[in-house]
Amino acid sequence: MRRGVVVAGVILALGLSATAAQAKLEGPFRDGFVRGAQDSCLKSQKGQPANAQISAPLLSGYCTCSANFIADNSTPDKMLLAAGDIQRGSPPAWLADLSKEAAKFCVVHLRDYVPSSQQ
């Protein structure tokens, strides 16, 4: 769960500046989360033998989609509370479920996240 450790680090680093009143991830908090989640996802996806023949632009597009989907459907408070669980390698059920929803969404909408020259 390397991805989780990187994501947790980003959450902790940026989460302390988020206010409790925020209802959604936005601004630097969101940007940091998305960047960290994309990087972690890409490392994880490239490490999967089943993805060995998939092009880097497609994997990158999938990870961009996934990171944004999770960011769009999370709050700073929930992500900060989940950070400890993620660091321990056991993300909360809501985040695991959200990741599954992201995967389904991103498979359907992958073309929207890949440059047309790579399709």
PDB file of N, CA and C in Angstrom:
ATOM      1  N   MET A   1       0.832  -1.173   0.000  1.00  0.00           N
ATOM      2  CA  MET A   1       0.000   0.000   0.000  1.00  0.00           C
ATOM      3  C   MET A   1       0.881   1.241   0.000  1.00  0.00           C
ATOM      4  N   ARG A   2       1.900   1.240  -0.849  1.00  0.00           N
ATOM      5  CA  ARG A   2       2.787   2.397  -0.990  1.00  0.00           C
ATOM      6  C   ARG A   2       2.014   3.652  -1.331  1.00  0.00           C
ATOM      7  N   ARG A   3       1.012   3.491  -2.174  1.00  0.00           N
ATOM      8  CA  ARG A   3       0.198   4.625  -2.592  1.00  0.00           C
ATOM      9  C   ARG A   3      -0.418   5.297  -1.373  1.00  0.00           C
ATOM     10  N   GLY A   4      -0.883   4.498  -0.455  1.00  0.00           N
ATOM     11  CA  GLY A   4      -1.505   5.032   0.742  1.00  0.00           C
ATOM     12  C   GLY A   4      -0.548   5.832   1.588  1.00  0.00           C
ATOM     13  N   VAL A   5       0.689   5.383   1.681  1.00  0.00           N
ATOM     14  CA  VAL A   5       1.675   6.095   2.487  1.00  0.00           C
ATOM     15  C   VAL A   5       1.969   7.464   1.891  1.00  0.00           C
ATOM     16  N   VAL A   6       2.126   7.527   0.581  1.00  0.00           N
ATOM     17  CA  VAL A   6       2.392   8.810  -0.071  1.00  0.00           C
ATOM     18  C   VAL A   6       1.186   9.723   0.064  1.00  0.00           C
ATOM     19  N   VAL A   7      -0.001   9.175  -0.162  1.00  0.00           N
ATOM     20  CA  VAL A   7      -1.221   9.964  -0.048  1.00  0.00           C
ATOM     21  C   VAL A   7      -1.361  10.490   1.380  1.00  0.00           C
ATOM     22  N   ALA A   8      -1.101   9.636   2.354  1.00  0.00           N
ATOM     23  CA  ALA A   8      -1.205  10.062   3.751  1.00  0.00           C
ATOM     24  C   ALA A   8      -0.232  11.197   4.050  1.00  0.00           C
ATOM     25  N   GLY A   9       0.970  11.106   3.509  1.00  0.00           N
ATOM     26  CA  GLY A   9       1.947  12.167   3.715  1.00  0.00           C
ATOM     27  C   GLY A   9       1.475  13.487   3.152  1.00  0.00           C
ATOM     28  N   VAL A  10       0.906  13.437   1.975  1.00  0.00           N
ATOM     29  CA  VAL A  10       0.379  14.658   1.356  1.00  0.00           C
ATOM     30  C   VAL A  10      -0.766  15.205   2.188  1.00  0.00           C
ATOM     31  N   ILE A  11      -1.636  14.312   2.628  1.00  0.00           N
ATOM     32  CA  ILE A  11      -2.775  14.737   3.429  1.00  0.00           C
ATOM     33  C   ILE A  11      -2.303  15.409   4.712  1.00  0.00           C
ATOM     34  N   LEU A  12      -1.361  14.787   5.385  1.00  0.00           N
ATOM     35  CA  LEU A  12      -0.871  15.355   6.632  1.00  0.00           C
ATOM     36  C   LEU A  12      -0.173  16.687   6.418  1.00  0.00           C
ATOM     37  N   ALA A  13       0.634  16.763   5.380  1.00  0.00           N
ATOM     38  CA  ALA A  13       1.383  17.990   5.122  1.00  0.00           C
ATOM     39  C   ALA A  13       0.462  19.149   4.783  1.00  0.00           C
ATOM     40  N   LEU A  14      -0.527  18.896   3.978  1.00  0.00           N
ATOM     41  CA  LEU A  14      -1.414  19.963   3.542  1.00  0.00           C
ATOM     42  C   LEU A  14      -2.672  20.075   4.390  1.00  0.00           C
ATOM     43  N   GLY A  15      -3.050  18.994   5.011  1.00  0.00           N
ATOM     44  CA  GLY A  15      -4.290  18.960   5.767  1.00  0.00           C
ATOM     45  C   GLY A  15      -4.303  19.873   6.962  1.00  0.00           C
ATOM     46  N   LEU A  16      -3.173  20.114   7.546  1.00  0.00           N
ATOM     47  CA  LEU A  16      -3.128  20.965   8.721  1.00  0.00           C
ATOM     48  C   LEU A  16      -3.537  22.390   8.412  1.00  0.00           C
ATOM     49  N   SER A  17      -3.453  22.782   7.148  1.00  0.00           N
ATOM     50  CA  SER A  17      -3.849  24.138   6.792  1.00  0.00           C
ATOM     51  C   SER A  17      -5.316  24.230   6.385  1.00  0.00           C
ATOM     52  N   ALA A  18      -5.972  23.086   6.250  1.00  0.00           N
ATOM     53  CA  ALA A  18      -7.384  23.094   5.863  1.00  0.00           C
ATOM     54  C   ALA A  18      -8.243  23.476   7.066  1.00  0.00           C
ATOM     55  N   THR A  19      -9.293  24.201   6.813  1.00  0.00           N
ATOM     56  CA  THR A  19     -10.179  24.572   7.905  1.00  0.00           C
ATOM     57  C   THR A  19     -11.287  23.546   8.045  1.00  0.00           C
ATOM     58  N   ALA A  20     -11.810  23.433   9.253  1.00  0.00           N
ATOM     59  CA  ALA A  20     -12.865  22.455   9.512  1.00  0.00           C
ATOM     60  C   ALA A  20     -14.145  22.794   8.769  1.00  0.00           C
ATOM     61  N   ALA A  21     -14.310  24.043   8.372  1.00  0.00           N
ATOM     62  CA  ALA A  21     -15.543  24.455   7.712  1.00  0.00           C
ATOM     63  C   ALA A  21     -15.593  24.053   6.244  1.00  0.00           C
ATOM     64  N   GLN A  22     -14.479  23.648   5.662  1.00  0.00           N
ATOM     65  CA  GLN A  22     -14.487  23.287   4.249  1.00  0.00           C
ATOM     66  C   GLN A  22     -15.354  22.053   4.026  1.00  0.00           C
ATOM     67  N   ALA A  23     -16.183  22.117   3.005  1.00  0.00           N
ATOM     68  CA  ALA A  23     -17.052  20.996   2.697  1.00  0.00           C
ATOM     69  C   ALA A  23     -16.444  20.085   1.640  1.00  0.00           C
ATOM     70  N   LYS A  24     -15.470  20.569   0.902  1.00  0.00           N
ATOM     71  CA  LYS A  24     -14.867  19.753  -0.148  1.00  0.00           C
ATOM     72  C   LYS A  24     -13.387  20.077  -0.253  1.00  0.00           C
ATOM     73  N   LEU A  25     -12.673  19.200  -0.893  1.00  0.00           N
ATOM     74  CA  LEU A  25     -11.249  19.444  -1.121  1.00  0.00           C
ATOM     75  C   LEU A  25     -11.123  20.540  -2.166  1.00  0.00           C
ATOM     76  N   GLU A  26     -10.307  21.559  -1.865  1.00  0.00           N
ATOM     77  CA  GLU A  26     -10.095  22.621  -2.827  1.00  0.00           C
ATOM     78  C   GLU A  26      -8.769  23.314  -2.550  1.00  0.00           C
ATOM     79  N   GLY A  27      -8.360  24.121  -3.489  1.00  0.00           N
ATOM     80  CA  GLY A  27      -7.141  24.895  -3.333  1.00  0.00           C
ATOM     81  C   GLY A  27      -5.897  24.027  -3.201  1.00  0.00           C
ATOM     82  N   PRO A  28      -4.918  24.504  -2.432  1.00  0.00           N
ATOM     83  CA  PRO A  28      -3.655  23.780  -2.287  1.00  0.00           C
ATOM     84  C   PRO A  28      -3.828  22.388  -1.688  1.00  0.00           C
ATOM     85  N   PHE A  29      -4.786  22.239  -0.786  1.00  0.00           N
ATOM     86  CA  PHE A  29      -5.048  20.922  -0.186  1.00  0.00           C
ATOM     87  C   PHE A  29      -5.421  19.923  -1.270  1.00  0.00           C
ATOM     88  N   ARG A  30      -6.367  20.321  -2.137  1.00  0.00           N
ATOM     89  CA  ARG A  30      -6.815  19.436  -3.217  1.00  0.00           C
ATOM     90  C   ARG A  30      -5.684  19.174  -4.209  1.00  0.00           C
ATOM     91  N   ASP A  31      -4.985  20.235  -4.598  1.00  0.00           N
ATOM     92  CA  ASP A  31      -3.886  20.094  -5.554  1.00  0.00           C
ATOM     93  C   ASP A  31      -2.837  19.117  -5.034  1.00  0.00           C
ATOM     94  N   GLY A  32      -2.470  19.251  -3.773  1.00  0.00           N
ATOM     95  CA  GLY A  32      -1.479  18.352  -3.180  1.00  0.00           C
ATOM     96  C   GLY A  32      -1.971  16.928  -3.101  1.00  0.00           C
ATOM     97  N   PHE A  33      -3.235  16.770  -2.722  1.00  0.00           N
ATOM     98  CA  PHE A  33      -3.802  15.427  -2.665  1.00  0.00           C
ATOM     99  C   PHE A  33      -3.795  14.782  -4.042  1.00  0.00           C
ATOM    100  N   VAL A  34      -4.300  15.500  -5.032  1.00  0.00           N
ATOM    101  CA  VAL A  34      -4.388  14.943  -6.392  1.00  0.00           C
ATOM    102  C   VAL A  34      -2.998  14.591  -6.917  1.00  0.00           C
ATOM    103  N   ARG A  35      -2.038  15.469  -6.728  1.00  0.00           N
ATOM    104  CA  ARG A  35      -0.666  15.208  -7.197  1.00  0.00           C
ATOM    105  C   ARG A  35      -0.090  13.963  -6.514  1.00  0.00           C
ATOM    106  N   GLY A  36      -0.240  13.871  -5.209  1.00  0.00           N
ATOM    107  CA  GLY A  36       0.269  12.710  -4.479  1.00  0.00           C
ATOM    108  C   GLY A  36      -0.444  11.424  -4.864  1.00  0.00           C
ATOM    109  N   ALA A  37      -1.753  11.508  -5.006  1.00  0.00           N
ATOM    110  CA  ALA A  37      -2.531  10.326  -5.379  1.00  0.00           C
ATOM    111  C   ALA A  37      -2.187   9.859  -6.796  1.00  0.00           C
ATOM    112  N   GLN A  38      -1.998  10.809  -7.715  1.00  0.00           N
ATOM    113  CA  GLN A  38      -1.613  10.453  -9.086  1.00  0.00           C
ATOM    114  C   GLN A  38      -0.261   9.735  -9.089  1.00  0.00           C
ATOM    115  N   ASP A  39       0.707  10.303  -8.401  1.00  0.00           N
ATOM    116  CA  ASP A  39       2.051   9.700  -8.364  1.00  0.00           C
ATOM    117  C   ASP A  39       2.016   8.299  -7.769  1.00  0.00           C
ATOM    118  N   SER A  40       1.299   8.152  -6.664  1.00  0.00           N
ATOM    119  CA  SER A  40       1.207   6.841  -6.013  1.00  0.00           C
ATOM    120  C   SER A  40       0.496   5.828  -6.896  1.00  0.00           C
ATOM    121  N   CYS A  41      -0.586   6.267  -7.513  1.00  0.00           N
ATOM    122  CA  CYS A  41      -1.346   5.383  -8.400  1.00  0.00           C
ATOM    123  C   CYS A  41      -0.483   4.931  -9.566  1.00  0.00           C
ATOM    124  N   LEU A  42       0.233   5.869 -10.162  1.00  0.00           N
ATOM    125  CA  LEU A  42       1.055   5.534 -11.325  1.00  0.00           C
ATOM    126  C   LEU A  42       2.136   4.513 -10.959  1.00  0.00           C
ATOM    127  N   LYS A  43       2.785   4.696  -9.823  1.00  0.00           N
ATOM    128  CA  LYS A  43       3.788   3.730  -9.373  1.00  0.00           C
ATOM    129  C   LYS A  43       3.158   2.367  -9.156  1.00  0.00           C
ATOM    130  N   SER A  44       2.003   2.363  -8.531  1.00  0.00           N
ATOM    131  CA  SER A  44       1.305   1.105  -8.266  1.00  0.00           C
ATOM    132  C   SER A  44       0.878   0.419  -9.562  1.00  0.00           C
ATOM    133  N   GLN A  45       0.288   1.186 -10.470  1.00  0.00           N
ATOM    134  CA  GLN A  45      -0.200   0.607 -11.725  1.00  0.00           C
ATOM    135  C   GLN A  45       0.949   0.087 -12.588  1.00  0.00           C
ATOM    136  N   LYS A  46       2.048   0.819 -12.632  1.00  0.00           N
ATOM    137  CA  LYS A  46       3.206   0.367 -13.413  1.00  0.00           C
ATOM    138  C   LYS A  46       3.814  -0.896 -12.822  1.00  0.00           C
ATOM    139  N   GLY A  47       3.651  -1.101 -11.534  1.00  0.00           N
ATOM    140  CA  GLY A  47       4.196  -2.278 -10.864  1.00  0.00           C
ATOM    141  C   GLY A  47       3.347  -3.528 -11.016  1.00  0.00           C
ATOM    142  N   GLN A  48       2.169  -3.392 -11.579  1.00  0.00           N
ATOM    143  CA  GLN A  48       1.278  -4.541 -11.765  1.00  0.00           C
ATOM    144  C   GLN A  48       1.630  -5.268 -13.060  1.00  0.00           C
ATOM    145  N   PRO A  49       1.976  -6.545 -12.977  1.00  0.00           N
ATOM    146  CA  PRO A  49       2.323  -7.300 -14.190  1.00  0.00           C
ATOM    147  C   PRO A  49       1.225  -7.245 -15.269  1.00  0.00           C
ATOM    148  N   ALA A  50      -0.020  -7.202 -14.851  1.00  0.00           N
ATOM    149  CA  ALA A  50      -1.124  -7.167 -15.814  1.00  0.00           C
ATOM    150  C   ALA A  50      -1.119  -5.891 -16.651  1.00  0.00           C
ATOM    151  N   ASN A  51      -0.436  -4.854 -16.177  1.00  0.00           N
ATOM    152  CA  ASN A  51      -0.401  -3.581 -16.890  1.00  0.00           C
ATOM    153  C   ASN A  51       0.861  -3.385 -17.717  1.00  0.00           C
ATOM    154  N   ALA A  52       1.690  -4.391 -17.817  1.00  0.00           N
ATOM    155  CA  ALA A  52       2.994  -4.268 -18.482  1.00  0.00           C
ATOM    156  C   ALA A  52       2.884  -3.772 -19.930  1.00  0.00           C
ATOM    157  N   GLN A  53       1.817  -4.115 -20.612  1.00  0.00           N
ATOM    158  CA  GLN A  53       1.698  -3.747 -22.023  1.00  0.00           C
ATOM    159  C   GLN A  53       0.800  -2.525 -22.243  1.00  0.00           C
ATOM    160  N   ILE A  54       0.376  -1.900 -21.162  1.00  0.00           N
ATOM    161  CA  ILE A  54      -0.477  -0.709 -21.283  1.00  0.00           C
ATOM    162  C   ILE A  54       0.424   0.521 -21.346  1.00  0.00           C
ATOM    163  N   SER A  55       0.116   1.414 -22.263  1.00  0.00           N
ATOM    164  CA  SER A  55       0.963   2.602 -22.460  1.00  0.00           C
ATOM    165  C   SER A  55       0.927   3.534 -21.251  1.00  0.00           C
ATOM    166  N   ALA A  56       2.012   4.258 -21.087  1.00  0.00           N
ATOM    167  CA  ALA A  56       2.128   5.225 -19.994  1.00  0.00           C
ATOM    168  C   ALA A  56       1.030   6.289 -20.051  1.00  0.00           C
ATOM    169  N   PRO A  57       0.671   6.820 -21.238  1.00  0.00           N
ATOM    170  CA  PRO A  57      -0.398   7.829 -21.266  1.00  0.00           C
ATOM    171  C   PRO A  57      -1.745   7.291 -20.763  1.00  0.00           C
ATOM    172  N   LEU A  58      -2.044   6.028 -21.062  1.00  0.00           N
ATOM    173  CA  LEU A  58      -3.307   5.462 -20.577  1.00  0.00           C
ATOM    174  C   LEU A  58      -3.271   5.268 -19.069  1.00  0.00           C
ATOM    175  N   LEU A  59      -2.158   4.763 -18.541  1.00  0.00           N
ATOM    176  CA  LEU A  59      -2.044   4.602 -17.097  1.00  0.00           C
ATOM    177  C   LEU A  59      -2.104   5.951 -16.391  1.00  0.00           C
ATOM    178  N   SER A  60      -1.435   6.937 -16.966  1.00  0.00           N
ATOM    179  CA  SER A  60      -1.445   8.275 -16.394  1.00  0.00           C
ATOM    180  C   SER A  60      -2.857   8.863 -16.405  1.00  0.00           C
ATOM    181  N   GLY A  61      -3.564   8.686 -17.502  1.00  0.00           N
ATOM    182  CA  GLY A  61      -4.939   9.169 -17.596  1.00  0.00           C
ATOM    183  C   GLY A  61      -5.838   8.507 -16.569  1.00  0.00           C
ATOM    184  N   TYR A  62      -5.673   7.195 -16.396  1.00  0.00           N
ATOM    185  CA  TYR A  62      -6.459   6.463 -15.403  1.00  0.00           C
ATOM    186  C   TYR A  62      -6.190   7.019 -14.002  1.00  0.00           C
ATOM    187  N   CYS A  63      -4.931   7.235 -13.687  1.00  0.00           N
ATOM    188  CA  CYS A  63      -4.566   7.724 -12.356  1.00  0.00           C
ATOM    189  C   CYS A  63      -5.028   9.160 -12.129  1.00  0.00           C
ATOM    190  N   THR A  64      -4.980   9.982 -13.157  1.00  0.00           N
ATOM    191  CA  THR A  64      -5.490  11.351 -13.053  1.00  0.00           C
ATOM    192  C   THR A  64      -6.984  11.325 -12.764  1.00  0.00           C
ATOM    193  N   CYS A  65      -7.691  10.498 -13.489  1.00  0.00           N
ATOM    194  CA  CYS A  65      -9.126  10.359 -13.288  1.00  0.00           C
ATOM    195  C   CYS A  65      -9.429   9.888 -11.870  1.00  0.00           C
ATOM    196  N   SER A  66      -8.748   8.856 -11.437  1.00  0.00           N
ATOM    197  CA  SER A  66      -8.994   8.278 -10.117  1.00  0.00           C
ATOM    198  C   SER A  66      -8.732   9.285  -9.003  1.00  0.00           C
ATOM    199  N   ALA A  67      -7.616   9.980  -9.071  1.00  0.00           N
ATOM    200  CA  ALA A  67      -7.263  10.964  -8.050  1.00  0.00           C
ATOM    201  C   ALA A  67      -8.308  12.080  -7.983  1.00  0.00           C
ATOM    202  N   ASN A  68      -8.747  12.546  -9.145  1.00  0.00           N
ATOM    203  CA  ASN A  68      -9.744  13.616  -9.175  1.00  0.00           C
ATOM    204  C   ASN A  68     -11.109  13.139  -8.693  1.00  0.00           C
ATOM    205  N   PHE A  69     -11.477  11.916  -9.032  1.00  0.00           N
ATOM    206  CA  PHE A  69     -12.755  11.365  -8.580  1.00  0.00           C
ATOM    207  C   PHE A  69     -12.781  11.299  -7.057  1.00  0.00           C
ATOM    208  N   ILE A  70     -11.706  10.797  -6.475  1.00  0.00           N
ATOM    209  CA  ILE A  70     -11.648  10.695  -5.021  1.00  0.00           C
ATOM    210  C   ILE A  70     -11.664  12.088  -4.392  1.00  0.00           C
ATOM    211  N   ALA A  71     -10.906  13.020  -4.954  1.00  0.00           N
ATOM    212  CA  ALA A  71     -10.891  14.378  -4.429  1.00  0.00           C
ATOM    213  C   ALA A  71     -12.269  15.034  -4.537  1.00  0.00           C
ATOM    214  N   ASP A  72     -12.968  14.770  -5.617  1.00  0.00           N
ATOM    215  CA  ASP A  72     -14.293  15.356  -5.822  1.00  0.00           C
ATOM    216  C   ASP A  72     -15.337  14.797  -4.862  1.00  0.00           C
ATOM    217  N   ASN A  73     -15.064  13.628  -4.296  1.00  0.00           N
ATOM    218  CA  ASN A  73     -16.042  12.944  -3.457  1.00  0.00           C
ATOM    219  C   ASN A  73     -15.575  12.774  -2.017  1.00  0.00           C
ATOM    220  N   SER A  74     -14.653  13.615  -1.583  1.00  0.00           N
ATOM    221  CA  SER A  74     -14.117  13.562  -0.226  1.00  0.00           C
ATOM    222  C   SER A  74     -14.139  14.945   0.397  1.00  0.00           C
ATOM    223  N   THR A  75     -13.940  14.968   1.695  1.00  0.00           N
ATOM    224  CA  THR A  75     -13.811  16.240   2.406  1.00  0.00           C
ATOM    225  C   THR A  75     -12.447  16.264   3.092  1.00  0.00           C
ATOM    226  N   PRO A  76     -11.928  17.441   3.363  1.00  0.00           N
ATOM    227  CA  PRO A  76     -10.655  17.517   4.077  1.00  0.00           C
ATOM    228  C   PRO A  76     -10.703  16.806   5.432  1.00  0.00           C
ATOM    229  N   ASP A  77     -11.807  16.974   6.145  1.00  0.00           N
ATOM    230  CA  ASP A  77     -11.915  16.330   7.454  1.00  0.00           C
ATOM    231  C   ASP A  77     -11.828  14.813   7.342  1.00  0.00           C
ATOM    232  N   LYS A  78     -12.577  14.245   6.393  1.00  0.00           N
ATOM    233  CA  LYS A  78     -12.553  12.783   6.228  1.00  0.00           C
ATOM    234  C   LYS A  78     -11.163  12.302   5.830  1.00  0.00           C
ATOM    235  N   MET A  79     -10.515  13.031   4.933  1.00  0.00           N
ATOM    236  CA  MET A  79      -9.196  12.606   4.480  1.00  0.00           C
ATOM    237  C   MET A  79      -8.173  12.709   5.601  1.00  0.00           C
ATOM    238  N   LEU A  80      -8.250  13.753   6.385  1.00  0.00           N
ATOM    239  CA  LEU A  80      -7.307  13.906   7.488  1.00  0.00           C
ATOM    240  C   LEU A  80      -7.530  12.835   8.544  1.00  0.00           C
ATOM    241  N   LEU A  81      -8.782  12.522   8.839  1.00  0.00           N
ATOM    242  CA  LEU A  81      -9.082  11.457   9.791  1.00  0.00           C
ATOM    243  C   LEU A  81      -8.626  10.093   9.275  1.00  0.00           C
ATOM    244  N   ALA A  82      -8.642   9.904   7.968  1.00  0.00           N
ATOM    245  CA  ALA A  82      -8.241   8.625   7.368  1.00  0.00           C
ATOM    246  C   ALA A  82      -6.727   8.466   7.284  1.00  0.00           C
ATOM    247  N   ALA A  83      -5.979   9.566   7.420  1.00  0.00           N
ATOM    248  CA  ALA A  83      -4.532   9.532   7.205  1.00  0.00           C
ATOM    249  C   ALA A  83      -3.834   8.493   8.071  1.00  0.00           C
ATOM    250  N   GLY A  84      -4.193   8.401   9.336  1.00  0.00           N
ATOM    251  CA  GLY A  84      -3.564   7.420  10.220  1.00  0.00           C
ATOM    252  C   GLY A  84      -3.843   6.002   9.780  1.00  0.00           C
ATOM    253  N   ASP A  85      -5.084   5.728   9.401  1.00  0.00           N
ATOM    254  CA  ASP A  85      -5.438   4.388   8.926  1.00  0.00           C
ATOM    255  C   ASP A  85      -4.667   4.049   7.655  1.00  0.00           C
ATOM    256  N   ILE A  86      -4.527   5.021   6.771  1.00  0.00           N
ATOM    257  CA  ILE A  86      -3.799   4.803   5.524  1.00  0.00           C
ATOM    258  C   ILE A  86      -2.344   4.497   5.817  1.00  0.00           C
ATOM    259  N   GLN A  87      -1.735   5.239   6.742  1.00  0.00           N
ATOM    260  CA  GLN A  87      -0.331   4.995   7.097  1.00  0.00           C
ATOM    261  C   GLN A  87      -0.134   3.604   7.683  1.00  0.00           C
ATOM    262  N   ARG A  88      -1.133   3.115   8.382  1.00  0.00           N
ATOM    263  CA  ARG A  88      -1.044   1.770   8.963  1.00  0.00           C
ATOM    264  C   ARG A  88      -1.353   0.685   7.934  1.00  0.00           C
ATOM    265  N   GLY A  89      -1.677   1.094   6.712  1.00  0.00           N
ATOM    266  CA  GLY A  89      -1.942   0.122   5.655  1.00  0.00           C
ATOM    267  C   GLY A  89      -3.351  -0.420   5.652  1.00  0.00           C
ATOM    268  N   SER A  90      -4.260   0.232   6.355  1.00  0.00           N
ATOM    269  CA  SER A  90      -5.645  -0.225   6.365  1.00  0.00           C
ATOM    270  C   SER A  90      -6.582   0.971   6.183  1.00  0.00           C
ATOM    271  N   PRO A  91      -6.734   1.397   4.925  1.00  0.00           N
ATOM    272  CA  PRO A  91      -7.604   2.548   4.680  1.00  0.00           C
ATOM    273  C   PRO A  91      -9.024   2.249   5.160  1.00  0.00           C
ATOM    274  N   PRO A  92      -9.740   3.267   5.578  1.00  0.00           N
ATOM    275  CA  PRO A  92     -11.113   3.046   6.039  1.00  0.00           C
ATOM    276  C   PRO A  92     -11.989   2.507   4.906  1.00  0.00           C
ATOM    277  N   ALA A  93     -13.044   1.821   5.300  1.00  0.00           N
ATOM    278  CA  ALA A  93     -13.937   1.195   4.313  1.00  0.00           C
ATOM    279  C   ALA A  93     -14.493   2.216   3.327  1.00  0.00           C
ATOM    280  N   TRP A  94     -14.816   3.421   3.790  1.00  0.00           N
ATOM    281  CA  TRP A  94     -15.399   4.410   2.879  1.00  0.00           C
ATOM    282  C   TRP A  94     -14.417   4.789   1.775  1.00  0.00           C
ATOM    283  N   LEU A  95     -13.115   4.830   2.114  1.00  0.00           N
ATOM    284  CA  LEU A  95     -12.116   5.194   1.108  1.00  0.00           C
ATOM    285  C   LEU A  95     -11.874   4.033   0.136  1.00  0.00           C
ATOM    286  N   ALA A  96     -11.873   2.813   0.652  1.00  0.00           N
ATOM    287  CA  ALA A  96     -11.742   1.642  -0.222  1.00  0.00           C
ATOM    288  C   ALA A  96     -12.927   1.569  -1.185  1.00  0.00           C
ATOM    289  N   ASP A  97     -14.128   1.829  -0.663  1.00  0.00           N
ATOM    290  CA  ASP A  97     -15.327   1.823  -1.511  1.00  0.00           C
ATOM    291  C   ASP A  97     -15.260   2.943  -2.552  1.00  0.00           C
ATOM    292  N   LEU A  98     -14.792   4.103  -2.144  1.00  0.00           N
ATOM    293  CA  LEU A  98     -14.669   5.234  -3.067  1.00  0.00           C
ATOM    294  C   LEU A  98     -13.640   4.933  -4.155  1.00  0.00           C
ATOM    295  N   SER A  99     -12.579   4.237  -3.802  1.00  0.00           N
ATOM    296  CA  SER A  99     -11.568   3.842  -4.793  1.00  0.00           C
ATOM    297  C   SER A  99     -12.152   2.879  -5.815  1.00  0.00           C
ATOM    298  N   LYS A 100     -13.014   1.984  -5.369  1.00  0.00           N
ATOM    299  CA  LYS A 100     -13.678   1.050  -6.296  1.00  0.00           C
ATOM    300  C   LYS A 100     -14.621   1.805  -7.228  1.00  0.00           C
ATOM    301  N   GLU A 101     -15.349   2.773  -6.672  1.00  0.00           N
ATOM    302  CA  GLU A 101     -16.224   3.592  -7.509  1.00  0.00           C
ATOM    303  C   GLU A 101     -15.402   4.377  -8.529  1.00  0.00           C
ATOM    304  N   ALA A 102     -14.259   4.895  -8.099  1.00  0.00           N
ATOM    305  CA  ALA A 102     -13.379   5.639  -9.005  1.00  0.00           C
ATOM    306  C   ALA A 102     -12.918   4.748 -10.145  1.00  0.00           C
ATOM    307  N   ALA A 103     -12.544   3.513  -9.831  1.00  0.00           N
ATOM    308  CA  ALA A 103     -12.075   2.584 -10.868  1.00  0.00           C
ATOM    309  C   ALA A 103     -13.166   2.352 -11.915  1.00  0.00           C
ATOM    310  N   LYS A 104     -14.385   2.129 -11.459  1.00  0.00           N
ATOM    311  CA  LYS A 104     -15.498   1.915 -12.402  1.00  0.00           C
ATOM    312  C   LYS A 104     -15.722   3.146 -13.269  1.00  0.00           C
ATOM    313  N   PHE A 105     -15.744   4.309 -12.635  1.00  0.00           N
ATOM    314  CA  PHE A 105     -15.953   5.561 -13.360  1.00  0.00           C
ATOM    315  C   PHE A 105     -14.844   5.790 -14.380  1.00  0.00           C
ATOM    316  N   CYS A 106     -13.605   5.562 -13.963  1.00  0.00           N
ATOM    317  CA  CYS A 106     -12.463   5.902 -14.810  1.00  0.00           C
ATOM    318  C   CYS A 106     -12.307   4.961 -16.001  1.00  0.00           C
ATOM    319  N   VAL A 107     -12.724   3.735 -15.861  1.00  0.00           N
ATOM    320  CA  VAL A 107     -12.678   2.823 -17.003  1.00  0.00           C
ATOM    321  C   VAL A 107     -13.647   3.317 -18.081  1.00  0.00           C
ATOM    322  N   VAL A 108     -14.812   3.781 -17.657  1.00  0.00           N
ATOM    323  CA  VAL A 108     -15.821   4.272 -18.594  1.00  0.00           C
ATOM    324  C   VAL A 108     -15.403   5.607 -19.223  1.00  0.00           C
ATOM    325  N   HIS A 109     -14.744   6.464 -18.442  1.00  0.00           N
ATOM    326  CA  HIS A 109     -14.430   7.826 -18.889  1.00  0.00           C
ATOM    327  C   HIS A 109     -12.949   8.048 -19.197  1.00  0.00           C
ATOM    328  N   LEU A 110     -12.202   6.986 -19.397  1.00  0.00           N
ATOM    329  CA  LEU A 110     -10.762   7.103 -19.597  1.00  0.00           C
ATOM    330  C   LEU A 110     -10.396   8.020 -20.762  1.00  0.00           C
ATOM    331  N   ARG A 111     -11.147   7.965 -21.845  1.00  0.00           N
ATOM    332  CA  ARG A 111     -10.843   8.810 -23.020  1.00  0.00           C
ATOM    333  C   ARG A 111     -10.800  10.294 -22.669  1.00  0.00           C
ATOM    334  N   ASP A 112     -11.576  10.696 -21.666  1.00  0.00           N
ATOM    335  CA  ASP A 112     -11.607  12.104 -21.266  1.00  0.00           C
ATOM    336  C   ASP A 112     -10.307  12.542 -20.579  1.00  0.00           C
ATOM    337  N   TYR A 113      -9.488  11.588 -20.178  1.00  0.00           N
ATOM    338  CA  TYR A 113      -8.276  11.893 -19.422  1.00  0.00           C
ATOM    339  C   TYR A 113      -6.986  11.564 -20.174  1.00  0.00           C
ATOM    340  N   VAL A 114      -7.129  11.179 -21.422  1.00  0.00           N
ATOM    341  CA  VAL A 114      -5.964  10.821 -22.251  1.00  0.00           C
ATOM    342  C   VAL A 114      -5.943  11.750 -23.455  1.00  0.00           C
ATOM    343  N   PRO A 115      -4.790  12.365 -23.737  1.00  0.00           N
ATOM    344  CA  PRO A 115      -4.700  13.244 -24.927  1.00  0.00           C
ATOM    345  C   PRO A 115      -5.144  12.493 -26.183  1.00  0.00           C
ATOM    346  N   SER A 116      -5.860  13.183 -27.051  1.00  0.00           N
ATOM    347  CA  SER A 116      -6.391  12.536 -28.253  1.00  0.00           C
ATOM    348  C   SER A 116      -5.292  11.941 -29.128  1.00  0.00           C
ATOM    349  N   SER A 117      -4.094  12.481 -29.078  1.00  0.00           N
ATOM    350  CA  SER A 117      -2.979  11.937 -29.865  1.00  0.00           C
ATOM    351  C   SER A 117      -2.540  10.573 -29.355  1.00  0.00           C
ATOM    352  N   GLN A 118      -2.939  10.202 -28.151  1.00  0.00           N
ATOM    353  CA  GLN A 118      -2.532   8.911 -27.552  1.00  0.00           C
ATOM    354  C   GLN A 118      -3.621   7.858 -27.668  1.00  0.00           C
ATOM    355  N   GLN A 119      -4.760   8.211 -28.231  1.00  0.00           N
ATOM    356  CA  GLN A 119      -5.894   7.267 -28.284  1.00  0.00           C
ATOM    357  C   GLN A 119      -5.863   6.435 -29.541  1.00  0.00           C
TER     358      GLN A 119
END
